[in-house]
C-alpha atoms as a PDB file:
ATOM      1  CA  MET A   1      50.478 -12.222 101.080  1.00  0.00           C
ATOM      2  CA  ALA A   2      47.466 -10.837 102.982  1.00  0.00           C
ATOM      3  CA  TRP A   3      49.548  -7.967 104.359  1.00  0.00           C
ATOM      4  CA  LYS A   4      49.914  -6.528 100.814  1.00  0.00           C
ATOM      5  CA  TRP A   5      46.252  -5.583 100.899  1.00  0.00           C
ATOM      6  CA  MET A   6      46.459  -3.999 104.347  1.00  0.00           C
ATOM      7  CA  PRO A   7      47.726  -0.468 103.420  1.00  0.00           C
ATOM      8  CA  PRO A   8      44.996   0.144 100.809  1.00  0.00           C
ATOM      9  CA  LEU A   9      42.382  -1.324 103.155  1.00  0.00           C
ATOM     10  CA  LEU A  10      43.546   0.911 106.017  1.00  0.00           C
ATOM     11  CA  LEU A  11      43.444   3.958 103.746  1.00  0.00           C
ATOM     12  CA  LEU A  12      39.962   3.078 102.523  1.00  0.00           C
ATOM     13  CA  ALA A  13      38.727   2.504 106.080  1.00  0.00           C
ATOM     14  CA  TRP A  14      40.213   5.800 107.251  1.00  0.00           C
ATOM     15  CA  LEU A  15      38.664   7.749 104.362  1.00  0.00           C
ATOM     16  CA  SER A  16      35.214   6.232 104.822  1.00  0.00           C
ATOM     17  CA  ALA A  17      35.355   6.793 108.596  1.00  0.00           C
ATOM     18  CA  SER A  18      36.385  10.410 108.061  1.00  0.00           C
ATOM     19  CA  VAL A  19      33.501  11.070 105.723  1.00  0.00           C
ATOM     20  CA  CYS A  20      30.931   9.232 107.834  1.00  0.00           C
ATOM     21  CA  SER A  21      31.904  10.422 111.302  1.00  0.00           C
ATOM     22  CA  ALA A  22      32.820  14.070 110.910  1.00  0.00           C
ATOM     23  CA  GLY A  23      29.720  15.570 109.392  1.00  0.00           C
ATOM     24  CA  ASP A  24      29.773  19.166 108.281  1.00  0.00           C
ATOM     25  CA  ARG A  25      29.056  21.405 111.286  1.00  0.00           C
ATOM     26  CA  THR A  26      27.801  24.298 109.193  1.00  0.00           C
ATOM     27  CA  ASP A  27      24.497  23.533 110.917  1.00  0.00           C
ATOM     28  CA  LEU A  28      25.935  25.652 113.753  1.00  0.00           C
ATOM     29  CA  LEU A  29      26.315  28.681 111.485  1.00  0.00           C
ATOM     30  CA  ASN A  30      23.634  31.256 110.789  1.00  0.00           C
ATOM     31  CA  VAL A  31      21.081  29.759 113.197  1.00  0.00           C
ATOM     32  CA  CYS A  32      18.920  31.156 115.963  1.00  0.00           C
ATOM     33  CA  MET A  33      18.898  29.717 119.452  1.00  0.00           C
ATOM     34  CA  ASP A  34      15.801  27.831 120.478  1.00  0.00           C
ATOM     35  CA  ALA A  35      14.653  30.318 123.111  1.00  0.00           C
ATOM     36  CA  LYS A  36      11.577  32.286 124.123  1.00  0.00           C
ATOM     37  CA  HIS A  37      11.998  35.464 122.033  1.00  0.00           C
ATOM     38  CA  HIS A  38      14.129  34.208 119.126  1.00  0.00           C
ATOM     39  CA  LYS A  39      12.928  33.825 115.549  1.00  0.00           C
ATOM     40  CA  THR A  40      13.128  30.329 114.082  1.00  0.00           C
ATOM     41  CA  LYS A  41      15.489  31.466 111.297  1.00  0.00           C
ATOM     42  CA  PRO A  42      17.712  34.536 110.987  1.00  0.00           C
ATOM     43  CA  GLY A  43      16.892  37.186 108.434  1.00  0.00           C
ATOM     44  CA  PRO A  44      16.936  40.947 107.876  1.00  0.00           C
ATOM     45  CA  GLU A  45      15.062  43.337 110.202  1.00  0.00           C
ATOM     46  CA  ASP A  46      15.287  46.933 108.983  1.00  0.00           C
ATOM     47  CA  LYS A  47      13.514  48.402 112.002  1.00  0.00           C
ATOM     48  CA  LEU A  48      15.722  47.159 114.828  1.00  0.00           C
ATOM     49  CA  HIS A  49      15.938  49.591 117.714  1.00  0.00           C
ATOM     50  CA  GLY A  50      18.884  51.366 119.347  1.00  0.00           C
ATOM     51  CA  GLN A  51      21.867  49.247 120.263  1.00  0.00           C
ATOM     52  CA  CYS A  52      20.546  46.208 118.372  1.00  0.00           C
ATOM     53  CA  THR A  53      20.863  47.891 114.953  1.00  0.00           C
ATOM     54  CA  PRO A  54      24.327  46.431 114.121  1.00  0.00           C
ATOM     55  CA  TRP A  55      22.646  43.049 113.598  1.00  0.00           C
ATOM     56  CA  ARG A  56      19.854  44.339 111.293  1.00  0.00           C
ATOM     57  CA  LYS A  57      21.173  42.644 108.120  1.00  0.00           C
ATOM     58  CA  ASN A  58      20.783  39.165 109.607  1.00  0.00           C
ATOM     59  CA  VAL A  59      19.129  38.764 113.003  1.00  0.00           C
ATOM     60  CA  CYS A  60      17.339  36.335 115.277  1.00  0.00           C
ATOM     61  CA  CYS A  61      15.274  39.001 117.074  1.00  0.00           C
ATOM     62  CA  SER A  62      12.238  40.928 115.927  1.00  0.00           C
ATOM     63  CA  ALA A  63      11.960  44.716 115.870  1.00  0.00           C
ATOM     64  CA  SER A  64       9.543  44.570 118.819  1.00  0.00           C
ATOM     65  CA  THR A  65      11.995  42.462 120.856  1.00  0.00           C
ATOM     66  CA  SER A  66      14.765  44.995 120.183  1.00  0.00           C
ATOM     67  CA  GLN A  67      12.479  47.829 121.329  1.00  0.00           C
ATOM     68  CA  GLU A  68      11.298  46.000 124.424  1.00  0.00           C
ATOM     69  CA  LEU A  69      14.776  45.135 125.707  1.00  0.00           C
ATOM     70  CA  HIS A  70      15.718  48.843 125.765  1.00  0.00           C
ATOM     71  CA  LYS A  71      12.909  49.683 128.219  1.00  0.00           C
ATOM     72  CA  ASP A  72      13.687  50.159 131.908  1.00  0.00           C
ATOM     73  CA  THR A  73      10.884  47.742 132.772  1.00  0.00           C
ATOM     74  CA  SER A  74      10.779  45.116 130.046  1.00  0.00           C
ATOM     75  CA  LEU A  75       8.036  42.596 129.424  1.00  0.00           C
ATOM     76  CA  LEU A  76      10.579  40.253 127.802  1.00  0.00           C
ATOM     77  CA  TYR A  77      11.817  38.915 131.105  1.00  0.00           C
ATOM     78  CA  ASN A  78       9.480  40.773 133.478  1.00  0.00           C
ATOM     79  CA  PHE A  79      12.597  42.610 134.625  1.00  0.00           C
ATOM     80  CA  ASN A  80      13.492  46.168 135.618  1.00  0.00           C
ATOM     81  CA  TRP A  81      17.044  47.367 134.859  1.00  0.00           C
ATOM     82  CA  ASP A  82      16.811  49.603 137.944  1.00  0.00           C
ATOM     83  CA  HIS A  83      15.693  46.868 140.349  1.00  0.00           C
ATOM     84  CA  CYS A  84      18.644  47.610 142.675  1.00  0.00           C
ATOM     85  CA  GLY A  85      18.370  51.389 142.388  1.00  0.00           C
ATOM     86  CA  LYS A  86      19.148  53.663 139.462  1.00  0.00           C
ATOM     87  CA  MET A  87      21.656  51.909 137.182  1.00  0.00           C
ATOM     88  CA  GLU A  88      24.503  53.992 135.788  1.00  0.00           C
ATOM     89  CA  PRO A  89      23.928  54.779 132.076  1.00  0.00           C
ATOM     90  CA  SER A  90      27.236  53.166 131.004  1.00  0.00           C
ATOM     91  CA  CYS A  91      26.395  50.008 132.932  1.00  0.00           C
ATOM     92  CA  LYS A  92      22.869  49.885 131.487  1.00  0.00           C
ATOM     93  CA  ARG A  93      24.340  50.389 128.008  1.00  0.00           C
ATOM     94  CA  HIS A  94      26.596  47.362 128.564  1.00  0.00           C
ATOM     95  CA  PHE A  95      23.761  45.088 129.690  1.00  0.00           C
ATOM     96  CA  ILE A  96      21.489  46.227 126.860  1.00  0.00           C
ATOM     97  CA  GLN A  97      24.285  45.425 124.403  1.00  0.00           C
ATOM     98  CA  ASP A  98      24.737  42.015 126.031  1.00  0.00           C
ATOM     99  CA  THR A  99      21.002  41.378 125.680  1.00  0.00           C
ATOM    100  CA  CYS A 100      21.062  42.515 122.028  1.00  0.00           C
ATOM    101  CA  LEU A 101      23.885  40.023 121.396  1.00  0.00           C
ATOM    102  CA  TYR A 102      21.939  37.216 123.073  1.00  0.00           C
ATOM    103  CA  GLU A 103      18.598  37.993 121.414  1.00  0.00           C
ATOM    104  CA  CYS A 104      19.754  39.092 117.939  1.00  0.00           C
ATOM    105  CA  SER A 105      22.977  37.303 116.989  1.00  0.00           C
ATOM    106  CA  PRO A 106      22.688  34.503 114.411  1.00  0.00           C
ATOM    107  CA  ASN A 107      26.205  33.369 115.308  1.00  0.00           C
ATOM    108  CA  LEU A 108      25.683  31.843 118.741  1.00  0.00           C
ATOM    109  CA  GLY A 109      23.842  28.750 117.531  1.00  0.00           C
ATOM    110  CA  ASP A 110      24.522  25.785 119.775  1.00  0.00           C
ATOM    111  CA  LEU A 111      27.778  27.240 121.031  1.00  0.00           C
ATOM    112  CA  THR A 112      27.741  26.764 124.776  1.00  0.00           C
ATOM    113  CA  SER A 113      31.091  28.315 125.578  1.00  0.00           C
ATOM    114  CA  VAL A 114      31.182  31.898 124.351  1.00  0.00           C
ATOM    115  CA  GLN A 115      34.435  33.716 124.936  1.00  0.00           C
ATOM    116  CA  LEU A 116      34.569  37.433 125.664  1.00  0.00           C
ATOM    117  CA  GLY A 117      37.846  39.272 125.217  1.00  0.00           C
ATOM    118  CA  PRO A 118      39.418  40.783 128.346  1.00  0.00           C
ATOM    119  CA  SER A 119      38.935  44.366 127.121  1.00  0.00           C
ATOM    120  CA  VAL A 120      35.142  44.038 127.408  1.00  0.00           C
ATOM    121  CA  ALA A 121      35.202  42.696 130.946  1.00  0.00           C
ATOM    122  CA  HIS A 122      37.964  44.975 132.284  1.00  0.00           C
ATOM    123  CA  SER A 123      36.198  48.143 131.195  1.00  0.00           C
ATOM    124  CA  TYR A 124      33.208  47.556 133.513  1.00  0.00           C
ATOM    125  CA  PHE A 125      34.011  45.247 136.419  1.00  0.00           C
ATOM    126  CA  PRO A 126      36.694  45.125 139.143  1.00  0.00           C
ATOM    127  CA  THR A 127      37.029  41.322 138.932  1.00  0.00           C
ATOM    128  CA  PRO A 128      36.198  40.591 135.307  1.00  0.00           C
ATOM    129  CA  ALA A 129      37.074  36.904 135.189  1.00  0.00           C
ATOM    130  CA  ALA A 130      34.817  35.966 138.097  1.00  0.00           C
ATOM    131  CA  LEU A 131      31.911  38.051 136.828  1.00  0.00           C
ATOM    132  CA  CYS A 132      32.349  37.075 133.193  1.00  0.00           C
ATOM    133  CA  GLU A 133      32.336  33.371 133.929  1.00  0.00           C
ATOM    134  CA  GLY A 134      29.335  33.716 136.234  1.00  0.00           C
ATOM    135  CA  LEU A 135      27.088  35.507 133.709  1.00  0.00           C
ATOM    136  CA  TRP A 136      24.178  33.705 132.044  1.00  0.00           C
ATOM    137  CA  SER A 137      24.570  30.524 134.128  1.00  0.00           C
ATOM    138  CA  HIS A 138      28.286  30.140 133.355  1.00  0.00           C
ATOM    139  CA  SER A 139      27.753  30.443 129.589  1.00  0.00           C
ATOM    140  CA  TYR A 140      30.812  32.641 129.119  1.00  0.00           C
ATOM    141  CA  GLN A 141      34.481  31.801 129.477  1.00  0.00           C
ATOM    142  CA  VAL A 142      37.306  34.328 129.836  1.00  0.00           C
ATOM    143  CA  SER A 143      39.610  34.215 126.845  1.00  0.00           C
ATOM    144  CA  GLN A 144      43.234  35.181 126.366  1.00  0.00           C
ATOM    145  CA  TYR A 145      42.466  36.046 122.744  1.00  0.00           C
ATOM    146  CA  SER A 146      42.267  39.724 121.882  1.00  0.00           C
ATOM    147  CA  ARG A 147      39.470  41.672 120.234  1.00  0.00           C
ATOM    148  CA  GLY A 148      39.433  41.003 116.502  1.00  0.00           C
ATOM    149  CA  SER A 149      41.299  37.688 116.817  1.00  0.00           C
ATOM    150  CA  GLY A 150      38.399  35.773 115.292  1.00  0.00           C
ATOM    151  CA  ARG A 151      38.273  33.566 118.399  1.00  0.00           C
ATOM    152  CA  CYS A 152      36.002  35.482 120.790  1.00  0.00           C
ATOM    153  CA  ILE A 153      32.509  36.920 120.408  1.00  0.00           C
ATOM    154  CA  GLN A 154      32.327  40.716 120.226  1.00  0.00           C
ATOM    155  CA  MET A 155      29.295  42.502 121.617  1.00  0.00           C
ATOM    156  CA  TRP A 156      30.376  45.840 120.094  1.00  0.00           C
ATOM    157  CA  PHE A 157      31.248  46.135 116.418  1.00  0.00           C
ATOM    158  CA  GLU A 158      30.841  48.438 113.435  1.00  0.00           C
ATOM    159  CA  PRO A 159      28.213  46.969 111.101  1.00  0.00           C
ATOM    160  CA  ALA A 160      29.804  48.692 108.089  1.00  0.00           C
ATOM    161  CA  GLN A 161      32.875  46.477 108.628  1.00  0.00           C
ATOM    162  CA  GLY A 162      30.805  43.302 108.819  1.00  0.00           C
ATOM    163  CA  ASN A 163      29.890  41.142 111.777  1.00  0.00           C
ATOM    164  CA  PRO A 164      33.137  39.691 113.238  1.00  0.00           C
ATOM    165  CA  ASN A 165      31.177  37.005 115.070  1.00  0.00           C
ATOM    166  CA  GLU A 166      30.577  35.136 111.808  1.00  0.00           C
ATOM    167  CA  GLU A 167      34.306  34.259 111.698  1.00  0.00           C
ATOM    168  CA  VAL A 168      34.181  33.155 115.348  1.00  0.00           C
ATOM    169  CA  ALA A 169      31.199  30.876 114.667  1.00  0.00           C
ATOM    170  CA  ARG A 170      32.949  29.344 111.630  1.00  0.00           C
ATOM    171  CA  PHE A 171      36.149  28.739 113.665  1.00  0.00           C
ATOM    172  CA  TYR A 172      34.355  26.893 116.478  1.00  0.00           C
ATOM    173  CA  ALA A 173      32.113  24.930 114.082  1.00  0.00           C
ATOM    174  CA  LEU A 174      35.248  23.751 112.251  1.00  0.00           C
ATOM    175  CA  ALA A 175      36.902  22.880 115.578  1.00  0.00           C
ATOM    176  CA  MET A 176      33.845  20.814 116.537  1.00  0.00           C
ATOM    177  CA  THR A 177      34.002  19.039 113.161  1.00  0.00           C
ATOM    178  CA  SER A 178      37.680  18.183 113.662  1.00  0.00           C
ATOM    179  CA  ARG A 179      37.066  16.816 117.172  1.00  0.00           C
ATOM    180  CA  ALA A 180      34.140  14.734 115.920  1.00  0.00           C
ATOM    181  CA  MET A 181      36.247  13.301 113.119  1.00  0.00           C
ATOM    182  CA  LEU A 182      39.110  12.320 115.446  1.00  0.00           C
ATOM    183  CA  HIS A 183      36.717  10.890 118.000  1.00  0.00           C
ATOM    184  CA  GLY A 184      34.851   8.875 115.363  1.00  0.00           C
ATOM    185  CA  ILE A 185      37.832   7.265 113.598  1.00  0.00           C
ATOM    186  CA  GLY A 186      40.050   6.613 116.627  1.00  0.00           C
ATOM    187  CA  PRO A 187      38.455   3.285 117.665  1.00  0.00           C
ATOM    188  CA  LEU A 188      38.279   2.126 114.039  1.00  0.00           C
ATOM    189  CA  LEU A 189      41.977   2.762 113.430  1.00  0.00           C
ATOM    190  CA  LEU A 190      42.908   1.052 116.699  1.00  0.00           C
ATOM    191  CA  SER A 191      40.945  -2.076 115.783  1.00  0.00           C
ATOM    192  CA  LEU A 192      42.421  -2.095 112.271  1.00  0.00           C
ATOM    193  CA  ALA A 193      45.934  -1.831 113.714  1.00  0.00           C
ATOM    194  CA  LEU A 194      45.219  -4.780 116.027  1.00  0.00           C
ATOM    195  CA  MET A 195      43.824  -6.803 113.116  1.00  0.00           C
ATOM    196  CA  LEU A 196      46.948  -6.001 111.101  1.00  0.00           C
ATOM    197  CA  GLN A 197      49.180  -7.298 113.902  1.00  0.00           C
ATOM    198  CA  LEU A 198      47.166 -10.512 114.172  1.00  0.00           C
ATOM    199  CA  TRP A 199      47.246 -10.939 110.402  1.00  0.00           C
ATOM    200  CA  LEU A 200      50.990 -10.469 110.244  1.00  0.00           C
ATOM    201  CA  LEU A 201      51.514 -13.045 113.003  1.00  0.00           C
ATOM    202  CA  ASP A 202      49.720 -15.708 110.947  1.00  0.00           C
END
């Protein structure tokens, strides 16, 4: 007789565990990193400089930060782009764009594993995977996804077509939500299944 109540009880337990454990991970979307030169909240900056302008509608950097990171000797990091001799203009352009992404993007949030598509890495470096995964203290991971797949961060994009990194941030926030939900309800379902077996044996 007790087993008749078990299916509705299991369903109720699963639903309540799903709601309680998953949590909406939209807190990872449209946020600035907690770092030295980042704003506390993203917002528009009409006077962004140079390569940082694609982010101007919604950014985590100030106009002065965007100007400073374009200088050969920048006060942001007390760093000189030409510290190893004169840097090639195309190489400098790449690193400035990378710095604009890091300083200005509101779509990196707490994401610790940012994936760059192979086309970005292959265009500048002879061994892209090794270099890519060694940048920024191993913050990047080489991806098999292609540019525009919605799965890897793009440093270069046309602002008129929107920021493709918003879709990437949403995808990974949703993936984190799904993992949290499965991780949170797994032990509960296992214990309920064991209780059901014990109940049926009585």
